[in-house]
Full PDB file with SEQRES, HELIX, SHEET, SSBOND, CRYST1, ORIGX, SCALE, CONECT and MASTER records, all heavy atoms in Angstrom:
SEQRES   1 A   34  SER LYS SER SER ASN TYR PRO SER GLN TYR ILE GLY VAL          
SEQRES   2 A   34  ASN ALA GLU VAL LYS ASN SER MET ILE SER GLU GLY SER          
SEQRES   3 A   34  LYS ILE GLU GLY THR VAL ILE ASN                              
SHEET    1 AA1 2 TYR A  10  ILE A  11  0                                        
SHEET    2 AA1 2 LYS A  27  ILE A  28  1                                        
SHEET    1 AA2 2 GLU A  16  LYS A  18  0                                        
SHEET    2 AA2 2 THR A  31  ILE A  33  1                                        
CRYST1    1.000    1.000    1.000  90.00  90.00  90.00 P 1           1          
ORIGX1      1.000000  0.000000  0.000000        0.00000                         
ORIGX2      0.000000  1.000000  0.000000        0.00000                         
ORIGX3      0.000000  0.000000  1.000000        0.00000                         
SCALE1      1.000000  0.000000  0.000000        0.00000                         
SCALE2      0.000000  1.000000  0.000000        0.00000                         
SCALE3      0.000000  0.000000  1.000000        0.00000                         
ATOM      1  N   SER A   1       0.804  -1.245   0.007  1.00  0.00           N  
ATOM      2  CA  SER A   1      -0.009   0.030   0.019  1.00  0.00           C  
ATOM      3  C   SER A   1       0.874   1.298   0.011  1.00  0.00           C  
ATOM      4  O   SER A   1       2.065   1.189   0.267  1.00  0.00           O  
ATOM      5  CB  SER A   1      -0.934   0.086   1.204  1.00  0.00           C  
ATOM      6  OG  SER A   1      -1.888   1.087   1.113  1.00  0.00           O  
ATOM      7  N   LYS A   2       0.273   2.318  -0.287  1.00  0.00           N  
ATOM      8  CA  LYS A   2       1.016   3.642  -0.193  1.00  0.00           C  
ATOM      9  C   LYS A   2       1.407   3.954   1.193  1.00  0.00           C  
ATOM     10  O   LYS A   2       0.558   3.820   2.117  1.00  0.00           O  
ATOM     11  CB  LYS A   2       0.009   4.751  -0.748  1.00  0.00           C  
ATOM     12  CG  LYS A   2       0.598   6.123  -0.826  1.00  0.00           C  
ATOM     13  CD  LYS A   2      -0.381   7.187  -1.262  1.00  0.00           C  
ATOM     14  CE  LYS A   2       0.198   8.582  -1.264  1.00  0.00           C  
ATOM     15  NZ  LYS A   2      -0.860   9.566  -1.792  1.00  0.00           N  
ATOM     16  N   SER A   3       2.609   4.343   1.396  1.00  0.00           N  
ATOM     17  CA  SER A   3       3.089   4.668   2.703  1.00  0.00           C  
ATOM     18  C   SER A   3       2.542   5.942   3.193  1.00  0.00           C  
ATOM     19  O   SER A   3       2.470   6.977   2.455  1.00  0.00           O  
ATOM     20  CB  SER A   3       4.634   4.740   2.688  1.00  0.00           C  
ATOM     21  OG  SER A   3       5.135   5.124   3.923  1.00  0.00           O  
ATOM     22  N   SER A   4       2.184   6.026   4.473  1.00  0.00           N  
ATOM     23  CA  SER A   4       1.531   7.135   5.128  1.00  0.00           C  
ATOM     24  C   SER A   4       2.531   8.172   5.789  1.00  0.00           C  
ATOM     25  O   SER A   4       2.212   9.251   6.019  1.00  0.00           O  
ATOM     26  CB  SER A   4       0.494   6.704   6.109  1.00  0.00           C  
ATOM     27  OG  SER A   4       1.065   5.932   7.155  1.00  0.00           O  
ATOM     28  N   ASN A   5       3.723   7.635   6.081  1.00  0.00           N  
ATOM     29  CA  ASN A   5       4.681   8.384   6.748  1.00  0.00           C  
ATOM     30  C   ASN A   5       4.318   9.009   8.085  1.00  0.00           C  
ATOM     31  O   ASN A   5       4.773  10.022   8.478  1.00  0.00           O  
ATOM     32  CB  ASN A   5       5.186   9.568   5.866  1.00  0.00           C  
ATOM     33  CG  ASN A   5       5.901   9.029   4.551  1.00  0.00           C  
ATOM     34  OD1 ASN A   5       6.674   8.089   4.632  1.00  0.00           O  
ATOM     35  ND2 ASN A   5       5.567   9.627   3.421  1.00  0.00           N  
ATOM     36  N   TYR A   6       3.483   8.307   8.785  1.00  0.00           N  
ATOM     37  CA  TYR A   6       3.058   8.637  10.119  1.00  0.00           C  
ATOM     38  C   TYR A   6       4.190   8.163  11.174  1.00  0.00           C  
ATOM     39  O   TYR A   6       4.896   7.215  10.852  1.00  0.00           O  
ATOM     40  CB  TYR A   6       1.784   7.981  10.561  1.00  0.00           C  
ATOM     41  CG  TYR A   6       0.493   8.688  10.175  1.00  0.00           C  
ATOM     42  CD1 TYR A   6      -0.222   8.314   8.984  1.00  0.00           C  
ATOM     43  CD2 TYR A   6       0.021   9.714  10.857  1.00  0.00           C  
ATOM     44  CE1 TYR A   6      -1.258   8.947   8.549  1.00  0.00           C  
ATOM     45  CE2 TYR A   6      -1.162  10.409  10.455  1.00  0.00           C  
ATOM     46  CZ  TYR A   6      -1.803  10.023   9.321  1.00  0.00           C  
ATOM     47  OH  TYR A   6      -2.930  10.690   8.938  1.00  0.00           O  
ATOM     48  N   PRO A   7       4.292   8.865  12.298  1.00  0.00           N  
ATOM     49  CA  PRO A   7       5.182   8.358  13.400  1.00  0.00           C  
ATOM     50  C   PRO A   7       4.669   7.101  13.971  1.00  0.00           C  
ATOM     51  O   PRO A   7       3.544   6.633  13.656  1.00  0.00           O  
ATOM     52  CB  PRO A   7       5.180   9.485  14.319  1.00  0.00           C  
ATOM     53  CG  PRO A   7       3.955  10.137  14.132  1.00  0.00           C  
ATOM     54  CD  PRO A   7       3.560  10.059  12.666  1.00  0.00           C  
ATOM     55  N   SER A   8       5.434   6.532  14.925  1.00  0.00           N  
ATOM     56  CA  SER A   8       5.040   5.274  15.560  1.00  0.00           C  
ATOM     57  C   SER A   8       3.792   5.519  16.397  1.00  0.00           C  
ATOM     58  O   SER A   8       3.434   6.699  16.771  1.00  0.00           O  
ATOM     59  CB  SER A   8       6.069   4.801  16.422  1.00  0.00           C  
ATOM     60  OG  SER A   8       7.281   4.463  15.695  1.00  0.00           O  
ATOM     61  N   GLN A   9       3.009   4.428  16.635  1.00  0.00           N  
ATOM     62  CA  GLN A   9       1.860   4.544  17.494  1.00  0.00           C  
ATOM     63  C   GLN A   9       2.259   4.949  18.915  1.00  0.00           C  
ATOM     64  O   GLN A   9       3.440   4.596  19.388  1.00  0.00           O  
ATOM     65  CB  GLN A   9       1.070   3.253  17.524  1.00  0.00           C  
ATOM     66  CG  GLN A   9       2.039   2.138  18.112  1.00  0.00           C  
ATOM     67  CD  GLN A   9       1.414   0.652  18.012  1.00  0.00           C  
ATOM     68  OE1 GLN A   9       1.296   0.102  19.022  1.00  0.00           O  
ATOM     69  NE2 GLN A   9       0.974   0.298  16.784  1.00  0.00           N  
ATOM     70  N   TYR A  10       1.359   5.576  19.648  1.00  0.00           N  
ATOM     71  CA  TYR A  10       1.577   5.781  21.090  1.00  0.00           C  
ATOM     72  C   TYR A  10       0.511   5.132  21.948  1.00  0.00           C  
ATOM     73  O   TYR A  10      -0.657   5.359  21.769  1.00  0.00           O  
ATOM     74  CB  TYR A  10       1.550   7.370  21.321  1.00  0.00           C  
ATOM     75  CG  TYR A  10       1.683   7.793  22.799  1.00  0.00           C  
ATOM     76  CD1 TYR A  10       2.829   7.687  23.518  1.00  0.00           C  
ATOM     77  CD2 TYR A  10       0.442   8.131  23.436  1.00  0.00           C  
ATOM     78  CE1 TYR A  10       2.876   8.078  24.842  1.00  0.00           C  
ATOM     79  CE2 TYR A  10       0.503   8.480  24.746  1.00  0.00           C  
ATOM     80  CZ  TYR A  10       1.661   8.450  25.463  1.00  0.00           C  
ATOM     81  OH  TYR A  10       1.720   8.709  26.790  1.00  0.00           O  
ATOM     82  N   ILE A  11       0.977   4.351  22.935  1.00  0.00           N  
ATOM     83  CA  ILE A  11       0.049   3.732  23.900  1.00  0.00           C  
ATOM     84  C   ILE A  11       0.271   4.314  25.259  1.00  0.00           C  
ATOM     85  O   ILE A  11       1.380   4.235  25.821  1.00  0.00           O  
ATOM     86  CB  ILE A  11       0.323   2.230  23.966  1.00  0.00           C  
ATOM     87  CG1 ILE A  11       0.328   1.619  22.535  1.00  0.00           C  
ATOM     88  CG2 ILE A  11      -0.751   1.523  24.854  1.00  0.00           C  
ATOM     89  CD1 ILE A  11      -1.021   1.653  21.750  1.00  0.00           C  
ATOM     90  N   GLY A  12      -0.660   5.099  25.776  1.00  0.00           N  
ATOM     91  CA  GLY A  12      -0.586   5.803  27.080  1.00  0.00           C  
ATOM     92  C   GLY A  12      -0.362   4.940  28.252  1.00  0.00           C  
ATOM     93  O   GLY A  12      -0.678   3.638  28.150  1.00  0.00           O  
ATOM     94  N   VAL A  13       0.054   5.475  29.392  1.00  0.00           N  
ATOM     95  CA  VAL A  13       0.396   4.687  30.570  1.00  0.00           C  
ATOM     96  C   VAL A  13      -0.803   3.983  31.220  1.00  0.00           C  
ATOM     97  O   VAL A  13      -0.684   2.988  31.753  1.00  0.00           O  
ATOM     98  CB  VAL A  13       1.071   5.633  31.634  1.00  0.00           C  
ATOM     99  CG1 VAL A  13       0.113   6.701  32.070  1.00  0.00           C  
ATOM    100  CG2 VAL A  13       1.663   4.788  32.833  1.00  0.00           C  
ATOM    101  N   ASN A  14      -1.993   4.575  30.987  1.00  0.00           N  
ATOM    102  CA  ASN A  14      -3.178   3.996  31.520  1.00  0.00           C  
ATOM    103  C   ASN A  14      -4.056   3.295  30.448  1.00  0.00           C  
ATOM    104  O   ASN A  14      -5.153   2.859  30.710  1.00  0.00           O  
ATOM    105  CB  ASN A  14      -4.078   5.073  32.158  1.00  0.00           C  
ATOM    106  CG  ASN A  14      -3.414   5.717  33.447  1.00  0.00           C  
ATOM    107  OD1 ASN A  14      -2.860   4.914  34.264  1.00  0.00           O  
ATOM    108  ND2 ASN A  14      -3.483   7.007  33.503  1.00  0.00           N  
ATOM    109  N   ALA A  15      -3.529   3.175  29.233  1.00  0.00           N  
ATOM    110  CA  ALA A  15      -4.250   2.572  28.136  1.00  0.00           C  
ATOM    111  C   ALA A  15      -4.227   0.969  28.283  1.00  0.00           C  
ATOM    112  O   ALA A  15      -3.335   0.449  28.965  1.00  0.00           O  
ATOM    113  CB  ALA A  15      -3.582   2.901  26.830  1.00  0.00           C  
ATOM    114  N   GLU A  16      -5.247   0.408  27.733  1.00  0.00           N  
ATOM    115  CA  GLU A  16      -5.372  -1.072  27.691  1.00  0.00           C  
ATOM    116  C   GLU A  16      -5.729  -1.498  26.317  1.00  0.00           C  
ATOM    117  O   GLU A  16      -6.770  -1.049  25.851  1.00  0.00           O  
ATOM    118  CB  GLU A  16      -6.377  -1.521  28.767  1.00  0.00           C  
ATOM    119  CG  GLU A  16      -6.518  -3.034  28.891  1.00  0.00           C  
ATOM    120  CD  GLU A  16      -7.492  -3.506  29.858  1.00  0.00           C  
ATOM    121  OE1 GLU A  16      -8.190  -2.620  30.543  1.00  0.00           O  
ATOM    122  OE2 GLU A  16      -7.587  -4.755  30.010  1.00  0.00           O  
ATOM    123  N   VAL A  17      -5.026  -2.407  25.758  1.00  0.00           N  
ATOM    124  CA  VAL A  17      -5.259  -2.839  24.423  1.00  0.00           C  
ATOM    125  C   VAL A  17      -5.246  -4.363  24.360  1.00  0.00           C  
ATOM    126  O   VAL A  17      -4.290  -5.014  24.794  1.00  0.00           O  
ATOM    127  CB  VAL A  17      -4.243  -2.280  23.431  1.00  0.00           C  
ATOM    128  CG1 VAL A  17      -4.439  -2.886  21.965  1.00  0.00           C  
ATOM    129  CG2 VAL A  17      -4.249  -0.811  23.343  1.00  0.00           C  
ATOM    130  N   LYS A  18      -6.301  -4.957  23.907  1.00  0.00           N  
ATOM    131  CA  LYS A  18      -6.472  -6.416  23.781  1.00  0.00           C  
ATOM    132  C   LYS A  18      -6.891  -6.847  22.364  1.00  0.00           C  
ATOM    133  O   LYS A  18      -7.869  -6.341  21.880  1.00  0.00           O  
ATOM    134  CB  LYS A  18      -7.417  -7.012  24.847  1.00  0.00           C  
ATOM    135  CG  LYS A  18      -7.028  -6.828  26.322  1.00  0.00           C  
ATOM    136  CD  LYS A  18      -7.983  -7.455  27.229  1.00  0.00           C  
ATOM    137  CE  LYS A  18      -7.536  -7.253  28.659  1.00  0.00           C  
ATOM    138  NZ  LYS A  18      -8.564  -7.936  29.627  1.00  0.00           N  
ATOM    139  N   ASN A  19      -6.180  -7.788  21.823  1.00  0.00           N  
ATOM    140  CA  ASN A  19      -6.574  -8.447  20.506  1.00  0.00           C  
ATOM    141  C   ASN A  19      -7.066  -7.309  19.540  1.00  0.00           C  
ATOM    142  O   ASN A  19      -8.098  -7.410  18.989  1.00  0.00           O  
ATOM    143  CB  ASN A  19      -7.680  -9.453  20.716  1.00  0.00           C  
ATOM    144  CG  ASN A  19      -7.855 -10.329  19.494  1.00  0.00           C  
ATOM    145  OD1 ASN A  19      -6.825 -10.851  18.883  1.00  0.00           O  
ATOM    146  ND2 ASN A  19      -9.105 -10.580  19.105  1.00  0.00           N  
ATOM    147  N   SER A  20      -6.184  -6.379  19.305  1.00  0.00           N  
ATOM    148  CA  SER A  20      -6.508  -5.297  18.340  1.00  0.00           C  
ATOM    149  C   SER A  20      -5.373  -4.992  17.369  1.00  0.00           C  
ATOM    150  O   SER A  20      -4.233  -5.357  17.719  1.00  0.00           O  
ATOM    151  CB  SER A  20      -6.892  -4.045  19.118  1.00  0.00           C  
ATOM    152  OG  SER A  20      -8.021  -4.334  19.928  1.00  0.00           O  
ATOM    153  N   MET A  21      -5.604  -4.341  16.317  1.00  0.00           N  
ATOM    154  CA  MET A  21      -4.662  -3.742  15.334  1.00  0.00           C  
ATOM    155  C   MET A  21      -4.568  -2.297  15.570  1.00  0.00           C  
ATOM    156  O   MET A  21      -5.548  -1.633  15.278  1.00  0.00           O  
ATOM    157  CB  MET A  21      -4.964  -4.318  13.953  1.00  0.00           C  
ATOM    158  CG  MET A  21      -4.934  -5.833  13.803  1.00  0.00           C  
ATOM    159  SD  MET A  21      -5.470  -6.320  12.023  1.00  0.00           S  
ATOM    160  CE  MET A  21      -4.065  -5.775  11.143  1.00  0.00           C  
ATOM    161  N   ILE A  22      -3.383  -1.839  15.903  1.00  0.00           N  
ATOM    162  CA  ILE A  22      -3.245  -0.396  16.119  1.00  0.00           C  
ATOM    163  C   ILE A  22      -2.185   0.181  15.114  1.00  0.00           C  
ATOM    164  O   ILE A  22      -1.022  -0.350  15.024  1.00  0.00           O  
ATOM    165  CB  ILE A  22      -2.653  -0.102  17.535  1.00  0.00           C  
ATOM    166  CG1 ILE A  22      -3.419  -0.871  18.591  1.00  0.00           C  
ATOM    167  CG2 ILE A  22      -2.605   1.326  17.828  1.00  0.00           C  
ATOM    168  CD1 ILE A  22      -4.913  -0.453  18.691  1.00  0.00           C  
ATOM    169  N   SER A  23      -2.627   0.988  14.264  1.00  0.00           N  
ATOM    170  CA  SER A  23      -1.750   1.491  13.154  1.00  0.00           C  
ATOM    171  C   SER A  23      -0.849   2.667  13.545  1.00  0.00           C  
ATOM    172  O   SER A  23      -1.032   3.288  14.537  1.00  0.00           O  
ATOM    173  CB  SER A  23      -2.669   1.859  11.974  1.00  0.00           C  
ATOM    174  OG  SER A  23      -3.338   0.711  11.435  1.00  0.00           O  
ATOM    175  N   GLU A  24       0.036   2.918  12.618  1.00  0.00           N  
ATOM    176  CA  GLU A  24       0.927   4.048  12.801  1.00  0.00           C  
ATOM    177  C   GLU A  24       0.280   5.360  13.022  1.00  0.00           C  
ATOM    178  O   GLU A  24      -0.765   5.676  12.455  1.00  0.00           O  
ATOM    179  CB  GLU A  24       1.925   4.182  11.557  1.00  0.00           C  
ATOM    180  CG  GLU A  24       2.715   2.966  11.302  1.00  0.00           C  
ATOM    181  CD  GLU A  24       3.536   3.089   9.944  1.00  0.00           C  
ATOM    182  OE1 GLU A  24       2.987   3.876   9.145  1.00  0.00           O  
ATOM    183  OE2 GLU A  24       4.551   2.451   9.840  1.00  0.00           O  
ATOM    184  N   GLY A  25       0.871   6.211  13.863  1.00  0.00           N  
ATOM    185  CA  GLY A  25       0.324   7.574  14.048  1.00  0.00           C  
ATOM    186  C   GLY A  25      -0.850   7.652  14.987  1.00  0.00           C  
ATOM    187  O   GLY A  25      -1.332   8.827  15.188  1.00  0.00           O  
ATOM    188  N   SER A  26      -1.315   6.543  15.493  1.00  0.00           N  
ATOM    189  CA  SER A  26      -2.399   6.562  16.390  1.00  0.00           C  
ATOM    190  C   SER A  26      -1.978   6.790  17.833  1.00  0.00           C  
ATOM    191  O   SER A  26      -0.880   6.469  18.218  1.00  0.00           O  
ATOM    192  CB  SER A  26      -3.322   5.320  16.285  1.00  0.00           C  
ATOM    193  OG  SER A  26      -2.464   4.153  16.441  1.00  0.00           O  
ATOM    194  N   LYS A  27      -2.811   7.438  18.708  1.00  0.00           N  
ATOM    195  CA  LYS A  27      -2.560   7.665  20.023  1.00  0.00           C  
ATOM    196  C   LYS A  27      -3.663   7.029  20.969  1.00  0.00           C  
ATOM    197  O   LYS A  27      -4.890   7.386  20.707  1.00  0.00           O  
ATOM    198  CB  LYS A  27      -2.492   9.092  20.337  1.00  0.00           C  
ATOM    199  CG  LYS A  27      -1.415   9.837  19.525  1.00  0.00           C  
ATOM    200  CD  LYS A  27      -1.426  11.350  19.802  1.00  0.00           C  
ATOM    201  CE  LYS A  27      -0.333  12.105  19.056  1.00  0.00           C  
ATOM    202  NZ  LYS A  27      -0.363  13.583  19.259  1.00  0.00           N  
ATOM    203  N   ILE A  28      -3.294   6.100  21.826  1.00  0.00           N  
ATOM    204  CA  ILE A  28      -4.325   5.425  22.562  1.00  0.00           C  
ATOM    205  C   ILE A  28      -4.117   5.752  24.092  1.00  0.00           C  
ATOM    206  O   ILE A  28      -3.027   5.543  24.684  1.00  0.00           O  
ATOM    207  CB  ILE A  28      -4.120   3.881  22.506  1.00  0.00           C  
ATOM    208  CG1 ILE A  28      -4.006   3.541  20.897  1.00  0.00           C  
ATOM    209  CG2 ILE A  28      -5.368   3.292  23.141  1.00  0.00           C  
ATOM    210  CD1 ILE A  28      -5.212   3.848  20.119  1.00  0.00           C  
ATOM    211  N   GLU A  29      -5.165   6.353  24.665  1.00  0.00           N  
ATOM    212  CA  GLU A  29      -5.189   6.711  26.067  1.00  0.00           C  
ATOM    213  C   GLU A  29      -6.217   5.857  26.824  1.00  0.00           C  
ATOM    214  O   GLU A  29      -6.134   5.777  28.092  1.00  0.00           O  
ATOM    215  CB  GLU A  29      -5.493   8.200  26.335  1.00  0.00           C  
ATOM    216  CG  GLU A  29      -4.423   9.129  25.721  1.00  0.00           C  
ATOM    217  CD  GLU A  29      -3.177   9.273  26.536  1.00  0.00           C  
ATOM    218  OE1 GLU A  29      -3.059   8.577  27.545  1.00  0.00           O  
ATOM    219  OE2 GLU A  29      -2.341  10.101  26.151  1.00  0.00           O  
ATOM    220  N   GLY A  30      -7.170   5.243  26.117  1.00  0.00           N  
ATOM    221  CA  GLY A  30      -8.203   4.494  26.755  1.00  0.00           C  
ATOM    222  C   GLY A  30      -8.077   2.990  26.583  1.00  0.00           C  
ATOM    223  O   GLY A  30      -7.000   2.463  26.421  1.00  0.00           O  
ATOM    224  N   THR A  31      -9.254   2.290  26.536  1.00  0.00           N  
ATOM    225  CA  THR A  31      -9.289   0.819  26.383  1.00  0.00           C  
ATOM    226  C   THR A  31      -9.779   0.445  24.955  1.00  0.00           C  
ATOM    227  O   THR A  31     -10.822   0.923  24.510  1.00  0.00           O  
ATOM    228  CB  THR A  31     -10.244   0.267  27.448  1.00  0.00           C  
ATOM    229  OG1 THR A  31      -9.764   0.569  28.729  1.00  0.00           O  
ATOM    230  CG2 THR A  31     -10.374  -1.289  27.317  1.00  0.00           C  
ATOM    231  N   VAL A  32      -8.976  -0.407  24.339  1.00  0.00           N  
ATOM    232  CA  VAL A  32      -9.379  -0.897  22.986  1.00  0.00           C  
ATOM    233  C   VAL A  32      -9.427  -2.407  23.038  1.00  0.00           C  
ATOM    234  O   VAL A  32      -8.410  -3.083  23.322  1.00  0.00           O  
ATOM    235  CB  VAL A  32      -8.402  -0.389  21.909  1.00  0.00           C  
ATOM    236  CG1 VAL A  32      -8.795  -0.961  20.560  1.00  0.00           C  
ATOM    237  CG2 VAL A  32      -8.360   1.169  21.920  1.00  0.00           C  
ATOM    238  N   ILE A  33     -10.577  -3.015  22.731  1.00  0.00           N  
ATOM    239  CA  ILE A  33     -10.729  -4.478  22.786  1.00  0.00           C  
ATOM    240  C   ILE A  33     -11.363  -4.879  21.424  1.00  0.00           C  
ATOM    241  O   ILE A  33     -12.327  -4.507  20.948  1.00  0.00           O  
ATOM    242  CB  ILE A  33     -11.669  -4.811  23.904  1.00  0.00           C  
ATOM    243  CG1 ILE A  33     -11.161  -4.371  25.277  1.00  0.00           C  
ATOM    244  CG2 ILE A  33     -11.887  -6.384  23.909  1.00  0.00           C  
ATOM    245  CD1 ILE A  33     -12.175  -4.516  26.411  1.00  0.00           C  
ATOM    246  N   ASN A  34     -10.589  -5.910  20.761  1.00  0.00           N  
ATOM    247  CA  ASN A  34     -11.025  -6.542  19.623  1.00  0.00           C  
ATOM    248  C   ASN A  34     -11.505  -5.563  18.556  1.00  0.00           C  
ATOM    249  O   ASN A  34     -12.586  -5.582  18.030  1.00  0.00           O  
ATOM    250  CB  ASN A  34     -12.193  -7.503  19.913  1.00  0.00           C  
ATOM    251  CG  ASN A  34     -12.366  -8.633  18.908  1.00  0.00           C  
ATOM    252  OD1 ASN A  34     -11.371  -9.438  18.740  1.00  0.00           O  
ATOM    253  ND2 ASN A  34     -13.486  -8.582  18.175  1.00  0.00           N  
TER     254      ASN A  34                                                      
MASTER        0    0    0    0    4    0    0    6  253    1    0    3          
END                                                                             
């Protein structure tokens, strides 16, 4: 695919991620499930 040139993803100290796909340039502070 065409490259987006985003920086790396950011997962916050209080974030929770389970069984998910997190792409470049995204910032996660909350809970992401499936």
